[in-house]
Amino acid sequence: MSKKKKEEEEEKRRRKKIRMPGAARAGISLLIMGALLVGFGQYFERGALSLYGVIIVAVGFTLYMAASIVAKRRASI
């Protein structure tokens, strides 16, 4: 195998995208959205908005963790 082909294969490995389940992506987006709501709620002194944001963060975290655990178990089988 030539040196050029080896370099091309190594580059392909480096560029390989990380596979992430859709539920994990949704969990991360809920985490971000909830954190923003908490921040705005604190800034504007709106306790209800902050509480709503905390609930969204908790749901996003749970969804992300569950999706990660399921993905890890599927990968090990």
PDB file of N, CA and C in Angstrom:
ATOM      1  N   MET A   1       0.842  -1.175   0.000  1.00  0.00           N
ATOM      2  CA  MET A   1       0.000   0.000   0.000  1.00  0.00           C
ATOM      3  C   MET A   1       0.890   1.243   0.000  1.00  0.00           C
ATOM      4  N   SER A   2       0.532   2.159  -0.830  1.00  0.00           N
ATOM      5  CA  SER A   2       1.357   3.358  -0.937  1.00  0.00           C
ATOM      6  C   SER A   2       1.134   4.290   0.256  1.00  0.00           C
ATOM      7  N   LYS A   3       2.086   5.172   0.425  1.00  0.00           N
ATOM      8  CA  LYS A   3       2.041   6.113   1.550  1.00  0.00           C
ATOM      9  C   LYS A   3       0.850   7.058   1.417  1.00  0.00           C
ATOM     10  N   LYS A   4       0.534   7.437   0.183  1.00  0.00           N
ATOM     11  CA  LYS A   4      -0.565   8.363  -0.056  1.00  0.00           C
ATOM     12  C   LYS A   4      -1.905   7.736   0.343  1.00  0.00           C
ATOM     13  N   LYS A   5      -2.101   6.453   0.024  1.00  0.00           N
ATOM     14  CA  LYS A   5      -3.346   5.786   0.380  1.00  0.00           C
ATOM     15  C   LYS A   5      -3.501   5.665   1.885  1.00  0.00           C
ATOM     16  N   LYS A   6      -2.397   5.386   2.566  1.00  0.00           N
ATOM     17  CA  LYS A   6      -2.447   5.288   4.020  1.00  0.00           C
ATOM     18  C   LYS A   6      -2.846   6.622   4.635  1.00  0.00           C
ATOM     19  N   GLU A   7      -2.296   7.704   4.109  1.00  0.00           N
ATOM     20  CA  GLU A   7      -2.636   9.031   4.620  1.00  0.00           C
ATOM     21  C   GLU A   7      -4.110   9.352   4.375  1.00  0.00           C
ATOM     22  N   GLU A   8      -4.636   8.945   3.216  1.00  0.00           N
ATOM     23  CA  GLU A   8      -6.042   9.196   2.904  1.00  0.00           C
ATOM     24  C   GLU A   8      -6.953   8.421   3.847  1.00  0.00           C
ATOM     25  N   GLU A   9      -6.598   7.185   4.158  1.00  0.00           N
ATOM     26  CA  GLU A   9      -7.405   6.384   5.068  1.00  0.00           C
ATOM     27  C   GLU A   9      -7.384   6.956   6.491  1.00  0.00           C
ATOM     28  N   GLU A  10      -6.243   7.425   6.919  1.00  0.00           N
ATOM     29  CA  GLU A  10      -6.157   8.035   8.240  1.00  0.00           C
ATOM     30  C   GLU A  10      -6.995   9.312   8.315  1.00  0.00           C
ATOM     31  N   GLU A  11      -7.001  10.059   7.234  1.00  0.00           N
ATOM     32  CA  GLU A  11      -7.787  11.283   7.199  1.00  0.00           C
ATOM     33  C   GLU A  11      -9.285  10.974   7.252  1.00  0.00           C
ATOM     34  N   LYS A  12      -9.705   9.908   6.573  1.00  0.00           N
ATOM     35  CA  LYS A  12     -11.110   9.507   6.612  1.00  0.00           C
ATOM     36  C   LYS A  12     -11.518   9.109   8.021  1.00  0.00           C
ATOM     37  N   ARG A  13     -10.640   8.414   8.723  1.00  0.00           N
ATOM     38  CA  ARG A  13     -10.942   8.022  10.099  1.00  0.00           C
ATOM     39  C   ARG A  13     -11.095   9.238  10.998  1.00  0.00           C
ATOM     40  N   ARG A  14     -10.266  10.232  10.794  1.00  0.00           N
ATOM     41  CA  ARG A  14     -10.337  11.444  11.612  1.00  0.00           C
ATOM     42  C   ARG A  14     -11.620  12.224  11.349  1.00  0.00           C
ATOM     43  N   ARG A  15     -12.080  12.210  10.108  1.00  0.00           N
ATOM     44  CA  ARG A  15     -13.272  12.970   9.733  1.00  0.00           C
ATOM     45  C   ARG A  15     -14.564  12.219  10.044  1.00  0.00           C
ATOM     46  N   LYS A  16     -14.463  11.015  10.556  1.00  0.00           N
ATOM     47  CA  LYS A  16     -15.635  10.199  10.813  1.00  0.00           C
ATOM     48  C   LYS A  16     -16.579  10.915  11.775  1.00  0.00           C
ATOM     49  N   LYS A  17     -17.841  11.006  11.410  1.00  0.00           N
ATOM     50  CA  LYS A  17     -18.813  11.702  12.235  1.00  0.00           C
ATOM     51  C   LYS A  17     -19.217  10.829  13.410  1.00  0.00           C
ATOM     52  N   ILE A  18     -19.521  11.490  14.509  1.00  0.00           N
ATOM     53  CA  ILE A  18     -19.991  10.784  15.692  1.00  0.00           C
ATOM     54  C   ILE A  18     -21.475  10.507  15.503  1.00  0.00           C
ATOM     55  N   ARG A  19     -21.860   9.250  15.680  1.00  0.00           N
ATOM     56  CA  ARG A  19     -23.268   8.897  15.547  1.00  0.00           C
ATOM     57  C   ARG A  19     -23.962   9.137  16.867  1.00  0.00           C
ATOM     58  N   MET A  20     -25.015   9.919  16.811  1.00  0.00           N
ATOM     59  CA  MET A  20     -25.754  10.260  18.015  1.00  0.00           C
ATOM     60  C   MET A  20     -27.243  10.035  17.745  1.00  0.00           C
ATOM     61  N   PRO A  21     -27.909   9.285  18.622  1.00  0.00           N
ATOM     62  CA  PRO A  21     -29.347   9.060  18.420  1.00  0.00           C
ATOM     63  C   PRO A  21     -30.137  10.369  18.443  1.00  0.00           C
ATOM     64  N   GLY A  22     -31.272  10.351  17.765  1.00  0.00           N
ATOM     65  CA  GLY A  22     -32.112  11.546  17.725  1.00  0.00           C
ATOM     66  C   GLY A  22     -32.601  11.976  19.091  1.00  0.00           C
ATOM     67  N   ALA A  23     -32.879  10.989  19.962  1.00  0.00           N
ATOM     68  CA  ALA A  23     -33.344  11.326  21.314  1.00  0.00           C
ATOM     69  C   ALA A  23     -32.252  12.049  22.100  1.00  0.00           C
ATOM     70  N   ALA A  24     -31.001  11.683  21.877  1.00  0.00           N
ATOM     71  CA  ALA A  24     -29.899  12.357  22.568  1.00  0.00           C
ATOM     72  C   ALA A  24     -29.776  13.798  22.082  1.00  0.00           C
ATOM     73  N   ARG A  25     -29.949  14.002  20.794  1.00  0.00           N
ATOM     74  CA  ARG A  25     -29.911  15.377  20.262  1.00  0.00           C
ATOM     75  C   ARG A  25     -31.055  16.211  20.828  1.00  0.00           C
ATOM     76  N   ALA A  26     -32.232  15.596  20.932  1.00  0.00           N
ATOM     77  CA  ALA A  26     -33.372  16.310  21.502  1.00  0.00           C
ATOM     78  C   ALA A  26     -33.121  16.640  22.975  1.00  0.00           C
ATOM     79  N   GLY A  27     -32.498  15.719  23.695  1.00  0.00           N
ATOM     80  CA  GLY A  27     -32.181  15.962  25.099  1.00  0.00           C
ATOM     81  C   GLY A  27     -31.231  17.118  25.279  1.00  0.00           C
ATOM     82  N   ILE A  28     -30.214  17.182  24.425  1.00  0.00           N
ATOM     83  CA  ILE A  28     -29.256  18.286  24.504  1.00  0.00           C
ATOM     84  C   ILE A  28     -29.935  19.613  24.181  1.00  0.00           C
ATOM     85  N   SER A  29     -30.805  19.595  23.176  1.00  0.00           N
ATOM     86  CA  SER A  29     -31.495  20.847  22.828  1.00  0.00           C
ATOM     87  C   SER A  29     -32.433  21.287  23.951  1.00  0.00           C
ATOM     88  N   LEU A  30     -33.086  20.335  24.631  1.00  0.00           N
ATOM     89  CA  LEU A  30     -33.926  20.697  25.777  1.00  0.00           C
ATOM     90  C   LEU A  30     -33.079  21.258  26.915  1.00  0.00           C
ATOM     91  N   LEU A  31     -31.900  20.688  27.124  1.00  0.00           N
ATOM     92  CA  LEU A  31     -31.005  21.221  28.153  1.00  0.00           C
ATOM     93  C   LEU A  31     -30.649  22.678  27.871  1.00  0.00           C
ATOM     94  N   ILE A  32     -30.299  22.959  26.640  1.00  0.00           N
ATOM     95  CA  ILE A  32     -29.912  24.323  26.267  1.00  0.00           C
ATOM     96  C   ILE A  32     -31.095  25.283  26.389  1.00  0.00           C
ATOM     97  N   MET A  33     -32.241  24.853  25.866  1.00  0.00           N
ATOM     98  CA  MET A  33     -33.423  25.713  25.917  1.00  0.00           C
ATOM     99  C   MET A  33     -33.853  25.977  27.365  1.00  0.00           C
ATOM    100  N   GLY A  34     -33.823  24.941  28.195  1.00  0.00           N
ATOM    101  CA  GLY A  34     -34.187  25.112  29.602  1.00  0.00           C
ATOM    102  C   GLY A  34     -33.232  26.026  30.333  1.00  0.00           C
ATOM    103  N   ALA A  35     -31.940  25.894  30.031  1.00  0.00           N
ATOM    104  CA  ALA A  35     -30.949  26.768  30.678  1.00  0.00           C
ATOM    105  C   ALA A  35     -31.173  28.228  30.285  1.00  0.00           C
ATOM    106  N   LEU A  36     -31.521  28.459  29.042  1.00  0.00           N
ATOM    107  CA  LEU A  36     -31.818  29.827  28.608  1.00  0.00           C
ATOM    108  C   LEU A  36     -33.053  30.379  29.332  1.00  0.00           C
ATOM    109  N   LEU A  37     -34.079  29.522  29.472  1.00  0.00           N
ATOM    110  CA  LEU A  37     -35.283  29.967  30.178  1.00  0.00           C
ATOM    111  C   LEU A  37     -34.975  30.295  31.638  1.00  0.00           C
ATOM    112  N   VAL A  38     -34.156  29.476  32.275  1.00  0.00           N
ATOM    113  CA  VAL A  38     -33.775  29.753  33.661  1.00  0.00           C
ATOM    114  C   VAL A  38     -33.024  31.078  33.744  1.00  0.00           C
ATOM    115  N   GLY A  39     -32.101  31.287  32.825  1.00  0.00           N
ATOM    116  CA  GLY A  39     -31.334  32.533  32.814  1.00  0.00           C
ATOM    117  C   GLY A  39     -32.200  33.758  32.611  1.00  0.00           C
ATOM    118  N   PHE A  40     -33.102  33.694  31.626  1.00  0.00           N
ATOM    119  CA  PHE A  40     -33.992  34.834  31.383  1.00  0.00           C
ATOM    120  C   PHE A  40     -34.956  35.041  32.546  1.00  0.00           C
ATOM    121  N   GLY A  41     -35.421  33.937  33.135  1.00  0.00           N
ATOM    122  CA  GLY A  41     -36.319  34.058  34.282  1.00  0.00           C
ATOM    123  C   GLY A  41     -35.645  34.728  35.463  1.00  0.00           C
ATOM    124  N   GLN A  42     -34.385  34.404  35.683  1.00  0.00           N
ATOM    125  CA  GLN A  42     -33.652  35.042  36.777  1.00  0.00           C
ATOM    126  C   GLN A  42     -33.381  36.514  36.457  1.00  0.00           C
ATOM    127  N   TYR A  43     -33.035  36.790  35.224  1.00  0.00           N
ATOM    128  CA  TYR A  43     -32.710  38.162  34.829  1.00  0.00           C
ATOM    129  C   TYR A  43     -33.927  39.076  34.952  1.00  0.00           C
ATOM    130  N   PHE A  44     -35.082  38.587  34.502  1.00  0.00           N
ATOM    131  CA  PHE A  44     -36.295  39.393  34.539  1.00  0.00           C
ATOM    132  C   PHE A  44     -37.095  39.189  35.827  1.00  0.00           C
ATOM    133  N   GLU A  45     -36.534  38.451  36.768  1.00  0.00           N
ATOM    134  CA  GLU A  45     -37.152  38.177  38.063  1.00  0.00           C
ATOM    135  C   GLU A  45     -38.535  37.567  37.916  1.00  0.00           C
ATOM    136  N   ARG A  46     -38.625  36.569  37.077  1.00  0.00           N
ATOM    137  CA  ARG A  46     -39.858  35.810  36.867  1.00  0.00           C
ATOM    138  C   ARG A  46     -39.624  34.387  37.356  1.00  0.00           C
ATOM    139  N   GLY A  47     -40.112  34.104  38.549  1.00  0.00           N
ATOM    140  CA  GLY A  47     -39.877  32.804  39.164  1.00  0.00           C
ATOM    141  C   GLY A  47     -40.526  31.663  38.408  1.00  0.00           C
ATOM    142  N   ALA A  48     -41.715  31.906  37.847  1.00  0.00           N
ATOM    143  CA  ALA A  48     -42.429  30.852  37.123  1.00  0.00           C
ATOM    144  C   ALA A  48     -41.647  30.430  35.876  1.00  0.00           C
ATOM    145  N   LEU A  49     -41.070  31.394  35.190  1.00  0.00           N
ATOM    146  CA  LEU A  49     -40.286  31.086  33.990  1.00  0.00           C
ATOM    147  C   LEU A  49     -39.043  30.274  34.351  1.00  0.00           C
ATOM    148  N   SER A  50     -38.416  30.634  35.461  1.00  0.00           N
ATOM    149  CA  SER A  50     -37.240  29.897  35.906  1.00  0.00           C
ATOM    150  C   SER A  50     -37.600  28.471  36.308  1.00  0.00           C
ATOM    151  N   LEU A  51     -38.713  28.317  36.989  1.00  0.00           N
ATOM    152  CA  LEU A  51     -39.154  26.984  37.403  1.00  0.00           C
ATOM    153  C   LEU A  51     -39.471  26.121  36.185  1.00  0.00           C
ATOM    154  N   TYR A  52     -40.133  26.708  35.206  1.00  0.00           N
ATOM    155  CA  TYR A  52     -40.437  26.005  33.964  1.00  0.00           C
ATOM    156  C   TYR A  52     -39.144  25.575  33.271  1.00  0.00           C
ATOM    157  N   GLY A  53     -38.151  26.447  33.282  1.00  0.00           N
ATOM    158  CA  GLY A  53     -36.859  26.118  32.686  1.00  0.00           C
ATOM    159  C   GLY A  53     -36.161  24.980  33.406  1.00  0.00           C
ATOM    160  N   VAL A  54     -36.251  24.964  34.734  1.00  0.00           N
ATOM    161  CA  VAL A  54     -35.633  23.882  35.511  1.00  0.00           C
ATOM    162  C   VAL A  54     -36.284  22.549  35.167  1.00  0.00           C
ATOM    163  N   ILE A  55     -37.592  22.543  35.006  1.00  0.00           N
ATOM    164  CA  ILE A  55     -38.303  21.310  34.640  1.00  0.00           C
ATOM    165  C   ILE A  55     -37.854  20.840  33.265  1.00  0.00           C
ATOM    166  N   ILE A  56     -37.723  21.761  32.323  1.00  0.00           N
ATOM    167  CA  ILE A  56     -37.271  21.398  30.971  1.00  0.00           C
ATOM    168  C   ILE A  56     -35.847  20.855  31.012  1.00  0.00           C
ATOM    169  N   VAL A  57     -34.982  21.446  31.810  1.00  0.00           N
ATOM    170  CA  VAL A  57     -33.607  20.960  31.946  1.00  0.00           C
ATOM    171  C   VAL A  57     -33.604  19.539  32.503  1.00  0.00           C
ATOM    172  N   ALA A  58     -34.419  19.275  33.507  1.00  0.00           N
ATOM    173  CA  ALA A  58     -34.478  17.941  34.109  1.00  0.00           C
ATOM    174  C   ALA A  58     -34.947  16.896  33.095  1.00  0.00           C
ATOM    175  N   VAL A  59     -35.965  17.248  32.309  1.00  0.00           N
ATOM    176  CA  VAL A  59     -36.464  16.332  31.284  1.00  0.00           C
ATOM    177  C   VAL A  59     -35.412  16.105  30.205  1.00  0.00           C
ATOM    178  N   GLY A  60     -34.741  17.159  29.781  1.00  0.00           N
ATOM    179  CA  GLY A  60     -33.697  17.037  28.763  1.00  0.00           C
ATOM    180  C   GLY A  60     -32.544  16.170  29.232  1.00  0.00           C
ATOM    181  N   PHE A  61     -32.140  16.345  30.483  1.00  0.00           N
ATOM    182  CA  PHE A  61     -31.056  15.541  31.034  1.00  0.00           C
ATOM    183  C   PHE A  61     -31.445  14.071  31.099  1.00  0.00           C
ATOM    184  N   THR A  62     -32.668  13.796  31.567  1.00  0.00           N
ATOM    185  CA  THR A  62     -33.138  12.417  31.653  1.00  0.00           C
ATOM    186  C   THR A  62     -33.206  11.776  30.269  1.00  0.00           C
ATOM    187  N   LEU A  63     -33.715  12.508  29.303  1.00  0.00           N
ATOM    188  CA  LEU A  63     -33.813  11.996  27.936  1.00  0.00           C
ATOM    189  C   LEU A  63     -32.434  11.717  27.360  1.00  0.00           C
ATOM    190  N   TYR A  64     -31.490  12.629  27.576  1.00  0.00           N
ATOM    191  CA  TYR A  64     -30.133  12.442  27.064  1.00  0.00           C
ATOM    192  C   TYR A  64     -29.457  11.227  27.704  1.00  0.00           C
ATOM    193  N   MET A  65     -29.583  11.104  29.019  1.00  0.00           N
ATOM    194  CA  MET A  65     -28.948   9.978  29.704  1.00  0.00           C
ATOM    195  C   MET A  65     -29.559   8.650  29.271  1.00  0.00           C
ATOM    196  N   ALA A  66     -30.878   8.592  29.154  1.00  0.00           N
ATOM    197  CA  ALA A  66     -31.543   7.357  28.734  1.00  0.00           C
ATOM    198  C   ALA A  66     -31.119   6.971  27.316  1.00  0.00           C
ATOM    199  N   ALA A  67     -31.064   7.944  26.418  1.00  0.00           N
ATOM    200  CA  ALA A  67     -30.658   7.664  25.040  1.00  0.00           C
ATOM    201  C   ALA A  67     -29.210   7.201  24.981  1.00  0.00           C
ATOM    202  N   SER A  68     -28.351   7.783  25.808  1.00  0.00           N
ATOM    203  CA  SER A  68     -26.945   7.380  25.830  1.00  0.00           C
ATOM    204  C   SER A  68     -26.779   5.957  26.343  1.00  0.00           C
ATOM    205  N   ILE A  69     -27.514   5.606  27.385  1.00  0.00           N
ATOM    206  CA  ILE A  69     -27.424   4.258  27.935  1.00  0.00           C
ATOM    207  C   ILE A  69     -27.920   3.228  26.931  1.00  0.00           C
ATOM    208  N   VAL A  70     -29.047   3.515  26.276  1.00  0.00           N
ATOM    209  CA  VAL A  70     -29.592   2.592  25.279  1.00  0.00           C
ATOM    210  C   VAL A  70     -28.618   2.436  24.113  1.00  0.00           C
ATOM    211  N   ALA A  71     -28.026   3.530  23.653  1.00  0.00           N
ATOM    212  CA  ALA A  71     -27.083   3.472  22.534  1.00  0.00           C
ATOM    213  C   ALA A  71     -25.850   2.658  22.902  1.00  0.00           C
ATOM    214  N   LYS A  72     -25.373   2.810  24.133  1.00  0.00           N
ATOM    215  CA  LYS A  72     -24.195   2.062  24.576  1.00  0.00           C
ATOM    216  C   LYS A  72     -24.484   0.572  24.646  1.00  0.00           C
ATOM    217  N   ARG A  73     -25.672   0.225  25.125  1.00  0.00           N
ATOM    218  CA  ARG A  73     -26.048  -1.197  25.214  1.00  0.00           C
ATOM    219  C   ARG A  73     -26.197  -1.801  23.842  1.00  0.00           C
ATOM    220  N   ARG A  74     -26.772  -1.045  22.908  1.00  0.00           N
ATOM    221  CA  ARG A  74     -26.912  -1.563  21.538  1.00  0.00           C
ATOM    222  C   ARG A  74     -25.557  -1.753  20.871  1.00  0.00           C
ATOM    223  N   ALA A  75     -24.629  -0.876  21.167  1.00  0.00           N
ATOM    224  CA  ALA A  75     -23.300  -0.966  20.561  1.00  0.00           C
ATOM    225  C   ALA A  75     -22.522  -2.161  21.100  1.00  0.00           C
ATOM    226  N   SER A  76     -22.773  -2.537  22.342  1.00  0.00           N
ATOM    227  CA  SER A  76     -22.008  -3.644  22.934  1.00  0.00           C
ATOM    228  C   SER A  76     -22.550  -5.000  22.525  1.00  0.00           C
ATOM    229  N   ILE A  77     -23.766  -5.059  22.001  1.00  0.00           N
ATOM    230  CA  ILE A  77     -24.359  -6.343  21.589  1.00  0.00           C
ATOM    231  C   ILE A  77     -23.805  -6.789  20.265  1.00  0.00           C
TER     232      ILE A  77
END
